[in-house]
Each structure stands twice: as structure tokens, then as C-alpha cells.
PDB file of N, CA and C in Angstrom:
ATOM      1  N   UNK A   1       0.844  -1.160  -0.006  1.00  0.00           N
ATOM      2  CA  UNK A   1       0.005   0.009   0.008  1.00  0.00           C
ATOM      3  C   UNK A   1       0.890   1.215  -0.002  1.00  0.00           C
ATOM      4  N   UNK A   2       0.573   2.176  -0.879  1.00  0.00           N
ATOM      5  CA  UNK A   2       1.380   3.416  -0.974  1.00  0.00           C
ATOM      6  C   UNK A   2       0.766   4.557  -0.202  1.00  0.00           C
ATOM      7  N   UNK A   3      -0.540   4.579  -0.100  1.00  0.00           N
ATOM      8  CA  UNK A   3      -1.203   5.716   0.520  1.00  0.00           C
ATOM      9  C   UNK A   3      -2.509   5.232   1.151  1.00  0.00           C
ATOM     10  N   UNK A   4      -2.862   5.859   2.254  1.00  0.00           N
ATOM     11  CA  UNK A   4      -4.121   5.523   2.936  1.00  0.00           C
ATOM     12  C   UNK A   4      -4.648   6.772   3.601  1.00  0.00           C
ATOM     13  N   UNK A   5      -5.946   7.012   3.439  1.00  0.00           N
ATOM     14  CA  UNK A   5      -6.554   8.191   4.070  1.00  0.00           C
ATOM     15  C   UNK A   5      -7.957   7.818   4.559  1.00  0.00           C
ATOM     16  N   UNK A   6      -8.239   8.242   5.788  1.00  0.00           N
ATOM     17  CA  UNK A   6      -9.555   8.020   6.346  1.00  0.00           C
ATOM     18  C   UNK A   6     -10.259   9.371   6.458  1.00  0.00           C
ATOM     19  N   UNK A   7     -11.440   9.471   5.903  1.00  0.00           N
ATOM     20  CA  UNK A   7     -12.200  10.715   5.933  1.00  0.00           C
ATOM     21  C   UNK A   7     -13.532  10.438   6.600  1.00  0.00           C
ATOM     22  N   UNK A   8     -13.803  11.143   7.680  1.00  0.00           N
ATOM     23  CA  UNK A   8     -15.072  10.956   8.365  1.00  0.00           C
ATOM     24  C   UNK A   8     -16.101  11.924   7.817  1.00  0.00           C
ATOM     25  N   UNK A   9     -17.313  11.457   7.599  1.00  0.00           N
ATOM     26  CA  UNK A   9     -18.382  12.357   7.144  1.00  0.00           C
ATOM     27  C   UNK A   9     -19.687  11.677   7.477  1.00  0.00           C
ATOM     28  N   UNK A  10     -20.744  12.489   7.445  1.00  0.00           N
ATOM     29  CA  UNK A  10     -22.067  11.917   7.717  1.00  0.00           C
ATOM     30  C   UNK A  10     -22.995  12.234   6.545  1.00  0.00           C
ATOM     31  N   UNK A  11     -23.821  11.290   6.265  1.00  0.00           N
ATOM     32  CA  UNK A  11     -24.831  11.504   5.203  1.00  0.00           C
ATOM     33  C   UNK A  11     -26.128  11.788   5.901  1.00  0.00           C
ATOM     34  N   UNK A  12     -26.735  12.900   5.538  1.00  0.00           N
ATOM     35  CA  UNK A  12     -27.980  13.312   6.184  1.00  0.00           C
ATOM     36  C   UNK A  12     -29.100  13.486   5.159  1.00  0.00           C
ATOM     37  N   UNK A  13     -30.299  13.313   5.644  1.00  0.00           N
ATOM     38  CA  UNK A  13     -31.473  13.569   4.841  1.00  0.00           C
ATOM     39  C   UNK A  13     -31.990  14.939   5.254  1.00  0.00           C
ATOM     40  N   UNK A  14     -32.170  15.803   4.323  1.00  0.00           N
ATOM     41  CA  UNK A  14     -32.693  17.165   4.593  1.00  0.00           C
ATOM     42  C   UNK A  14     -33.813  17.468   3.617  1.00  0.00           C
ATOM     43  N   UNK A  15     -34.886  18.059   4.155  1.00  0.00           N
ATOM     44  CA  UNK A  15     -35.977  18.463   3.276  1.00  0.00           C
ATOM     45  C   UNK A  15     -36.740  19.629   3.912  1.00  0.00           C
ATOM     46  N   UNK A  16     -37.424  20.383   3.060  1.00  0.00           N
ATOM     47  CA  UNK A  16     -38.275  21.489   3.484  1.00  0.00           C
ATOM     48  C   UNK A  16     -39.711  21.113   3.206  1.00  0.00           C
ATOM     49  N   UNK A  17     -40.575  21.433   4.160  1.00  0.00           N
ATOM     50  CA  UNK A  17     -41.999  21.191   4.008  1.00  0.00           C
ATOM     51  C   UNK A  17     -42.718  22.533   4.235  1.00  0.00           C
ATOM     52  N   UNK A  18     -43.623  22.884   3.326  1.00  0.00           N
ATOM     53  CA  UNK A  18     -44.307  24.166   3.392  1.00  0.00           C
ATOM     54  C   UNK A  18     -45.113  24.320   4.684  1.00  0.00           C
ATOM     55  N   UNK A  19     -45.624  23.222   5.195  1.00  0.00           N
ATOM     56  CA  UNK A  19     -46.475  23.312   6.385  1.00  0.00           C
ATOM     57  C   UNK A  19     -45.697  23.184   7.706  1.00  0.00           C
ATOM     58  N   UNK A  20     -44.637  22.388   7.727  1.00  0.00           N
ATOM     59  CA  UNK A  20     -43.951  22.160   8.995  1.00  0.00           C
ATOM     60  C   UNK A  20     -42.561  22.706   9.091  1.00  0.00           C
ATOM     61  N   UNK A  21     -41.939  23.097   7.984  1.00  0.00           N
ATOM     62  CA  UNK A  21     -40.611  23.674   7.996  1.00  0.00           C
ATOM     63  C   UNK A  21     -39.500  22.726   7.626  1.00  0.00           C
ATOM     64  N   UNK A  22     -38.341  22.903   8.198  1.00  0.00           N
ATOM     65  CA  UNK A  22     -37.126  22.143   7.847  1.00  0.00           C
ATOM     66  C   UNK A  22     -37.057  20.847   8.634  1.00  0.00           C
ATOM     67  N   UNK A  23     -36.788  19.773   7.915  1.00  0.00           N
ATOM     68  CA  UNK A  23     -36.611  18.445   8.505  1.00  0.00           C
ATOM     69  C   UNK A  23     -35.189  17.958   8.281  1.00  0.00           C
ATOM     70  N   UNK A  24     -34.546  17.451   9.324  1.00  0.00           N
ATOM     71  CA  UNK A  24     -33.196  16.892   9.237  1.00  0.00           C
ATOM     72  C   UNK A  24     -33.227  15.511   9.871  1.00  0.00           C
ATOM     73  N   UNK A  25     -32.822  14.508   9.054  1.00  0.00           N
ATOM     74  CA  UNK A  25     -32.792  13.121   9.500  1.00  0.00           C
ATOM     75  C   UNK A  25     -34.127  12.664  10.089  1.00  0.00           C
ATOM     76  N   UNK A  26     -35.246  13.047   9.473  1.00  0.00           N
ATOM     77  CA  UNK A  26     -36.543  12.615   9.881  1.00  0.00           C
ATOM     78  C   UNK A  26     -37.144  13.381  11.050  1.00  0.00           C
ATOM     79  N   UNK A  27     -36.493  14.417  11.524  1.00  0.00           N
ATOM     80  CA  UNK A  27     -37.016  15.212  12.656  1.00  0.00           C
ATOM     81  C   UNK A  27     -37.053  16.678  12.287  1.00  0.00           C
ATOM     82  N   UNK A  28     -38.073  17.396  12.805  1.00  0.00           N
ATOM     83  CA  UNK A  28     -38.154  18.839  12.571  1.00  0.00           C
ATOM     84  C   UNK A  28     -36.940  19.469  13.279  1.00  0.00           C
ATOM     85  N   UNK A  29     -36.299  20.394  12.588  1.00  0.00           N
ATOM     86  CA  UNK A  29     -35.116  21.023  13.109  1.00  0.00           C
ATOM     87  C   UNK A  29     -35.215  22.526  13.024  1.00  0.00           C
ATOM     88  N   UNK A  30     -34.956  23.202  14.117  1.00  0.00           N
ATOM     89  CA  UNK A  30     -34.955  24.655  14.140  1.00  0.00           C
ATOM     90  C   UNK A  30     -33.490  25.104  14.182  1.00  0.00           C
ATOM     91  N   UNK A  31     -33.175  26.060  13.364  1.00  0.00           N
ATOM     92  CA  UNK A  31     -31.798  26.571  13.329  1.00  0.00           C
ATOM     93  C   UNK A  31     -31.523  27.453  14.506  1.00  0.00           C
ATOM     94  N   UNK A  32     -30.474  27.138  15.233  1.00  0.00           N
ATOM     95  CA  UNK A  32     -29.976  27.933  16.349  1.00  0.00           C
ATOM     96  C   UNK A  32     -28.496  28.124  16.119  1.00  0.00           C
ATOM     97  N   UNK A  33     -28.171  29.078  15.261  1.00  0.00           N
ATOM     98  CA  UNK A  33     -26.805  29.264  14.796  1.00  0.00           C
ATOM     99  C   UNK A  33     -26.102  30.373  15.523  1.00  0.00           C
ATOM    100  N   UNK A  34     -24.753  30.342  15.429  1.00  0.00           N
ATOM    101  CA  UNK A  34     -23.908  31.356  16.026  1.00  0.00           C
ATOM    102  C   UNK A  34     -22.834  31.736  15.037  1.00  0.00           C
ATOM    103  N   UNK A  35     -22.452  32.997  15.071  1.00  0.00           N
ATOM    104  CA  UNK A  35     -21.328  33.469  14.230  1.00  0.00           C
ATOM    105  C   UNK A  35     -20.051  33.469  15.113  1.00  0.00           C
ATOM    106  N   UNK A  36     -19.052  32.759  14.711  1.00  0.00           N
ATOM    107  CA  UNK A  36     -17.791  32.680  15.459  1.00  0.00           C
ATOM    108  C   UNK A  36     -16.756  33.405  14.614  1.00  0.00           C
ATOM    109  N   UNK A  37     -16.663  34.720  14.760  1.00  0.00           N
ATOM    110  CA  UNK A  37     -15.792  35.470  13.893  1.00  0.00           C
ATOM    111  C   UNK A  37     -14.534  35.995  14.537  1.00  0.00           C
ATOM    112  N   UNK A  38     -14.420  35.948  15.858  1.00  0.00           N
ATOM    113  CA  UNK A  38     -13.224  36.479  16.513  1.00  0.00           C
ATOM    114  C   UNK A  38     -12.941  35.723  17.796  1.00  0.00           C
ATOM    115  N   UNK A  39     -11.671  35.582  18.060  1.00  0.00           N
ATOM    116  CA  UNK A  39     -11.215  34.985  19.321  1.00  0.00           C
ATOM    117  C   UNK A  39     -10.449  36.058  20.064  1.00  0.00           C
ATOM    118  N   UNK A  40     -11.161  36.825  20.842  1.00  0.00           N
ATOM    119  CA  UNK A  40     -10.547  37.940  21.546  1.00  0.00           C
ATOM    120  C   UNK A  40      -9.431  37.445  22.455  1.00  0.00           C
ATOM    121  N   UNK A  41      -8.265  38.081  22.345  1.00  0.00           N
ATOM    122  CA  UNK A  41      -7.122  37.737  23.158  1.00  0.00           C
ATOM    123  C   UNK A  41      -6.306  36.570  22.669  1.00  0.00           C
ATOM    124  N   UNK A  42      -6.743  35.959  21.591  1.00  0.00           N
ATOM    125  CA  UNK A  42      -6.026  34.770  21.067  1.00  0.00           C
ATOM    126  C   UNK A  42      -5.353  35.096  19.729  1.00  0.00           C
ATOM    127  N   UNK A  43      -6.015  35.861  18.891  1.00  0.00           N
ATOM    128  CA  UNK A  43      -5.463  36.181  17.557  1.00  0.00           C
ATOM    129  C   UNK A  43      -6.052  35.256  16.525  1.00  0.00           C
ATOM    130  N   UNK A  44      -5.385  35.167  15.391  1.00  0.00           N
ATOM    131  CA  UNK A  44      -5.936  34.355  14.279  1.00  0.00           C
ATOM    132  C   UNK A  44      -5.418  32.945  14.296  1.00  0.00           C
ATOM    133  N   UNK A  45      -4.297  32.660  14.906  1.00  0.00           N
ATOM    134  CA  UNK A  45      -3.782  31.297  15.014  1.00  0.00           C
ATOM    135  C   UNK A  45      -4.338  30.645  16.289  1.00  0.00           C
ATOM    136  N   UNK A  46      -5.565  30.201  16.231  1.00  0.00           N
ATOM    137  CA  UNK A  46      -6.267  29.700  17.412  1.00  0.00           C
ATOM    138  C   UNK A  46      -5.923  28.257  17.675  1.00  0.00           C
ATOM    139  N   UNK A  47      -5.442  27.958  18.867  1.00  0.00           N
ATOM    140  CA  UNK A  47      -5.187  26.541  19.185  1.00  0.00           C
ATOM    141  C   UNK A  47      -6.501  25.747  19.166  1.00  0.00           C
ATOM    142  N   UNK A  48      -6.410  24.519  18.721  1.00  0.00           N
ATOM    143  CA  UNK A  48      -7.621  23.687  18.588  1.00  0.00           C
ATOM    144  C   UNK A  48      -8.362  23.515  19.860  1.00  0.00           C
ATOM    145  N   UNK A  49      -7.689  23.425  21.010  1.00  0.00           N
ATOM    146  CA  UNK A  49      -8.366  23.264  22.276  1.00  0.00           C
ATOM    147  C   UNK A  49      -9.230  24.507  22.613  1.00  0.00           C
ATOM    148  N   UNK A  50      -8.843  25.673  22.166  1.00  0.00           N
ATOM    149  CA  UNK A  50      -9.663  26.872  22.365  1.00  0.00           C
ATOM    150  C   UNK A  50     -10.966  26.740  21.587  1.00  0.00           C
ATOM    151  N   UNK A  51     -10.866  26.304  20.339  1.00  0.00           N
ATOM    152  CA  UNK A  51     -12.098  26.065  19.566  1.00  0.00           C
ATOM    153  C   UNK A  51     -12.968  25.012  20.201  1.00  0.00           C
ATOM    154  N   UNK A  52     -12.335  23.939  20.654  1.00  0.00           N
ATOM    155  CA  UNK A  52     -13.071  22.866  21.307  1.00  0.00           C
ATOM    156  C   UNK A  52     -13.881  23.331  22.498  1.00  0.00           C
ATOM    157  N   UNK A  53     -13.250  24.169  23.347  1.00  0.00           N
ATOM    158  CA  UNK A  53     -13.952  24.696  24.514  1.00  0.00           C
ATOM    159  C   UNK A  53     -15.130  25.597  24.072  1.00  0.00           C
ATOM    160  N   UNK A  54     -14.916  26.387  23.055  1.00  0.00           N
ATOM    161  CA  UNK A  54     -15.997  27.277  22.574  1.00  0.00           C
ATOM    162  C   UNK A  54     -17.147  26.451  22.024  1.00  0.00           C
ATOM    163  N   UNK A  55     -16.857  25.422  21.220  1.00  0.00           N
ATOM    164  CA  UNK A  55     -17.899  24.593  20.653  1.00  0.00           C
ATOM    165  C   UNK A  55     -18.662  23.838  21.745  1.00  0.00           C
ATOM    166  N   UNK A  56     -17.935  23.381  22.777  1.00  0.00           N
ATOM    167  CA  UNK A  56     -18.613  22.718  23.912  1.00  0.00           C
ATOM    168  C   UNK A  56     -19.606  23.641  24.549  1.00  0.00           C
ATOM    169  N   UNK A  57     -19.212  24.882  24.758  1.00  0.00           N
ATOM    170  CA  UNK A  57     -20.097  25.903  25.368  1.00  0.00           C
ATOM    171  C   UNK A  57     -21.302  26.169  24.484  1.00  0.00           C
ATOM    172  N   UNK A  58     -21.065  26.321  23.181  1.00  0.00           N
ATOM    173  CA  UNK A  58     -22.162  26.618  22.253  1.00  0.00           C
ATOM    174  C   UNK A  58     -23.162  25.446  22.201  1.00  0.00           C
ATOM    175  N   UNK A  59     -22.658  24.198  22.199  1.00  0.00           N
ATOM    176  CA  UNK A  59     -23.539  23.053  22.181  1.00  0.00           C
ATOM    177  C   UNK A  59     -24.363  22.994  23.475  1.00  0.00           C
ATOM    178  N   UNK A  60     -23.753  23.349  24.604  1.00  0.00           N
ATOM    179  CA  UNK A  60     -24.447  23.308  25.891  1.00  0.00           C
ATOM    180  C   UNK A  60     -25.623  24.264  25.916  1.00  0.00           C
ATOM    181  N   UNK A  61     -25.551  25.387  25.209  1.00  0.00           N
ATOM    182  CA  UNK A  61     -26.651  26.340  25.183  1.00  0.00           C
ATOM    183  C   UNK A  61     -27.618  26.129  23.993  1.00  0.00           C
ATOM    184  N   UNK A  62     -27.362  25.049  23.233  1.00  0.00           N
ATOM    185  CA  UNK A  62     -28.331  24.667  22.203  1.00  0.00           C
ATOM    186  C   UNK A  62     -27.998  25.088  20.770  1.00  0.00           C
ATOM    187  N   UNK A  63     -26.823  25.646  20.540  1.00  0.00           N
ATOM    188  CA  UNK A  63     -26.440  26.037  19.171  1.00  0.00           C
ATOM    189  C   UNK A  63     -26.221  24.790  18.312  1.00  0.00           C
ATOM    190  N   UNK A  64     -26.777  24.779  17.081  1.00  0.00           N
ATOM    191  CA  UNK A  64     -26.604  23.637  16.207  1.00  0.00           C
ATOM    192  C   UNK A  64     -26.071  24.009  14.829  1.00  0.00           C
ATOM    193  N   UNK A  65     -25.546  25.223  14.694  1.00  0.00           N
ATOM    194  CA  UNK A  65     -24.987  25.684  13.442  1.00  0.00           C
ATOM    195  C   UNK A  65     -23.931  26.742  13.701  1.00  0.00           C
ATOM    196  N   UNK A  66     -22.913  26.754  12.851  1.00  0.00           N
ATOM    197  CA  UNK A  66     -21.795  27.708  13.023  1.00  0.00           C
ATOM    198  C   UNK A  66     -21.573  28.476  11.720  1.00  0.00           C
ATOM    199  N   UNK A  67     -21.378  29.767  11.844  1.00  0.00           N
ATOM    200  CA  UNK A  67     -20.894  30.595  10.723  1.00  0.00           C
ATOM    201  C   UNK A  67     -19.493  30.965  11.140  1.00  0.00           C
ATOM    202  N   UNK A  68     -18.472  30.427  10.447  1.00  0.00           N
ATOM    203  CA  UNK A  68     -17.108  30.530  10.907  1.00  0.00           C
ATOM    204  C   UNK A  68     -16.488  31.896  10.734  1.00  0.00           C
ATOM    205  N   UNK A  69     -16.844  32.691   9.772  1.00  0.00           N
ATOM    206  CA  UNK A  69     -16.314  34.019   9.535  1.00  0.00           C
ATOM    207  C   UNK A  69     -16.504  34.348   8.058  1.00  0.00           C
ATOM    208  N   UNK A  70     -15.770  35.333   7.615  1.00  0.00           N
ATOM    209  CA  UNK A  70     -15.858  35.744   6.220  1.00  0.00           C
ATOM    210  C   UNK A  70     -14.870  34.983   5.350  1.00  0.00           C
ATOM    211  N   UNK A  71     -13.933  34.280   5.951  1.00  0.00           N
ATOM    212  CA  UNK A  71     -12.880  33.544   5.247  1.00  0.00           C
ATOM    213  C   UNK A  71     -13.066  32.051   5.458  1.00  0.00           C
ATOM    214  N   UNK A  72     -12.479  31.240   4.586  1.00  0.00           N
ATOM    215  CA  UNK A  72     -12.574  29.780   4.806  1.00  0.00           C
ATOM    216  C   UNK A  72     -11.968  29.401   6.130  1.00  0.00           C
ATOM    217  N   UNK A  73     -12.663  28.509   6.897  1.00  0.00           N
ATOM    218  CA  UNK A  73     -12.126  28.123   8.192  1.00  0.00           C
ATOM    219  C   UNK A  73     -10.985  27.115   8.052  1.00  0.00           C
ATOM    220  N   UNK A  74     -10.229  27.027   9.102  1.00  0.00           N
ATOM    221  CA  UNK A  74      -9.127  26.063   9.222  1.00  0.00           C
ATOM    222  C   UNK A  74      -9.676  24.646   9.051  1.00  0.00           C
ATOM    223  N   UNK A  75      -9.085  23.796   8.196  1.00  0.00           N
ATOM    224  CA  UNK A  75      -9.593  22.422   8.057  1.00  0.00           C
ATOM    225  C   UNK A  75      -9.600  21.666   9.402  1.00  0.00           C
ATOM    226  N   UNK A  76      -8.674  21.991  10.294  1.00  0.00           N
ATOM    227  CA  UNK A  76      -8.681  21.326  11.627  1.00  0.00           C
ATOM    228  C   UNK A  76      -9.934  21.708  12.411  1.00  0.00           C
ATOM    229  N   UNK A  77     -10.405  22.927  12.231  1.00  0.00           N
ATOM    230  CA  UNK A  77     -11.636  23.372  12.872  1.00  0.00           C
ATOM    231  C   UNK A  77     -12.839  22.586  12.332  1.00  0.00           C
ATOM    232  N   UNK A  78     -12.863  22.423  11.040  1.00  0.00           N
ATOM    233  CA  UNK A  78     -13.960  21.661  10.396  1.00  0.00           C
ATOM    234  C   UNK A  78     -13.955  20.201  10.854  1.00  0.00           C
ATOM    235  N   UNK A  79     -12.759  19.599  10.967  1.00  0.00           N
ATOM    236  CA  UNK A  79     -12.649  18.224  11.462  1.00  0.00           C
ATOM    237  C   UNK A  79     -13.146  18.153  12.909  1.00  0.00           C
ATOM    238  N   UNK A  80     -12.831  19.153  13.698  1.00  0.00           N
ATOM    239  CA  UNK A  80     -13.307  19.164  15.067  1.00  0.00           C
ATOM    240  C   UNK A  80     -14.842  19.235  15.120  1.00  0.00           C
ATOM    241  N   UNK A  81     -15.422  20.073  14.249  1.00  0.00           N
ATOM    242  CA  UNK A  81     -16.899  20.148  14.178  1.00  0.00           C
ATOM    243  C   UNK A  81     -17.491  18.821  13.804  1.00  0.00           C
ATOM    244  N   UNK A  82     -16.878  18.106  12.843  1.00  0.00           N
ATOM    245  CA  UNK A  82     -17.349  16.793  12.433  1.00  0.00           C
ATOM    246  C   UNK A  82     -17.322  15.801  13.608  1.00  0.00           C
ATOM    247  N   UNK A  83     -16.201  15.835  14.333  1.00  0.00           N
ATOM    248  CA  UNK A  83     -16.036  14.909  15.467  1.00  0.00           C
ATOM    249  C   UNK A  83     -17.030  15.177  16.594  1.00  0.00           C
ATOM    250  N   UNK A  84     -17.290  16.477  16.827  1.00  0.00           N
ATOM    251  CA  UNK A  84     -18.209  16.831  17.924  1.00  0.00           C
ATOM    252  C   UNK A  84     -19.675  16.702  17.539  1.00  0.00           C
ATOM    253  N   UNK A  85     -19.974  16.784  16.226  1.00  0.00           N
ATOM    254  CA  UNK A  85     -21.336  16.615  15.734  1.00  0.00           C
ATOM    255  C   UNK A  85     -22.256  17.779  15.975  1.00  0.00           C
ATOM    256  N   UNK A  86     -23.461  17.692  15.417  1.00  0.00           N
ATOM    257  CA  UNK A  86     -24.529  18.653  15.583  1.00  0.00           C
ATOM    258  C   UNK A  86     -24.219  19.995  14.941  1.00  0.00           C
ATOM    259  N   UNK A  87     -23.379  20.085  13.980  1.00  0.00           N
ATOM    260  CA  UNK A  87     -23.139  21.350  13.294  1.00  0.00           C
ATOM    261  C   UNK A  87     -23.570  21.145  11.877  1.00  0.00           C
TER     262      UNK A  87
END
């Protein structure tokens, strides 16, 4: 074997219904999103554990969607979101 790569991803069912709204994986889902555009006191090179703590807090208060900023997010941040789920 010359190369091997494991990529984690989830396949979801999503649909819109005019009467009931947005459905995700067979359940009605309401968007509770947050914009994560700045890490005050940390700068732009944010350690992954800082993001992990922020995502833990956001999940605890019911956030289920993230707007990462105006620029493409760090791939490590996206992997963390995949591992933690509900984004």
C-alpha cells in the first residue's frame, strides 16, 4: 500500500415542508446558529483546544450551526466540528 486516508463524514437527509418547516434526519429542526468570527485575546492562530472549549459551550446552550467568519475556516476546525457533531 502506498497511501491511505480516512475521511469521516455523515450523510444526512434534509428536506423542506411548506407546512412544518425544515426536517433533518426525519425530525423537525430549528436553526440555532452562532457566528464565530473572533477569538478575543487569542489572535488568528487559534489553538484547537480553544475552539473545542468554545464549541462545547455553544452546544451546551443549544447552538446547532456555526458561521465561521468571512474567510474559509481552518480544516482542523472543520474536522473538530465533524467529530463533535450537531453542526
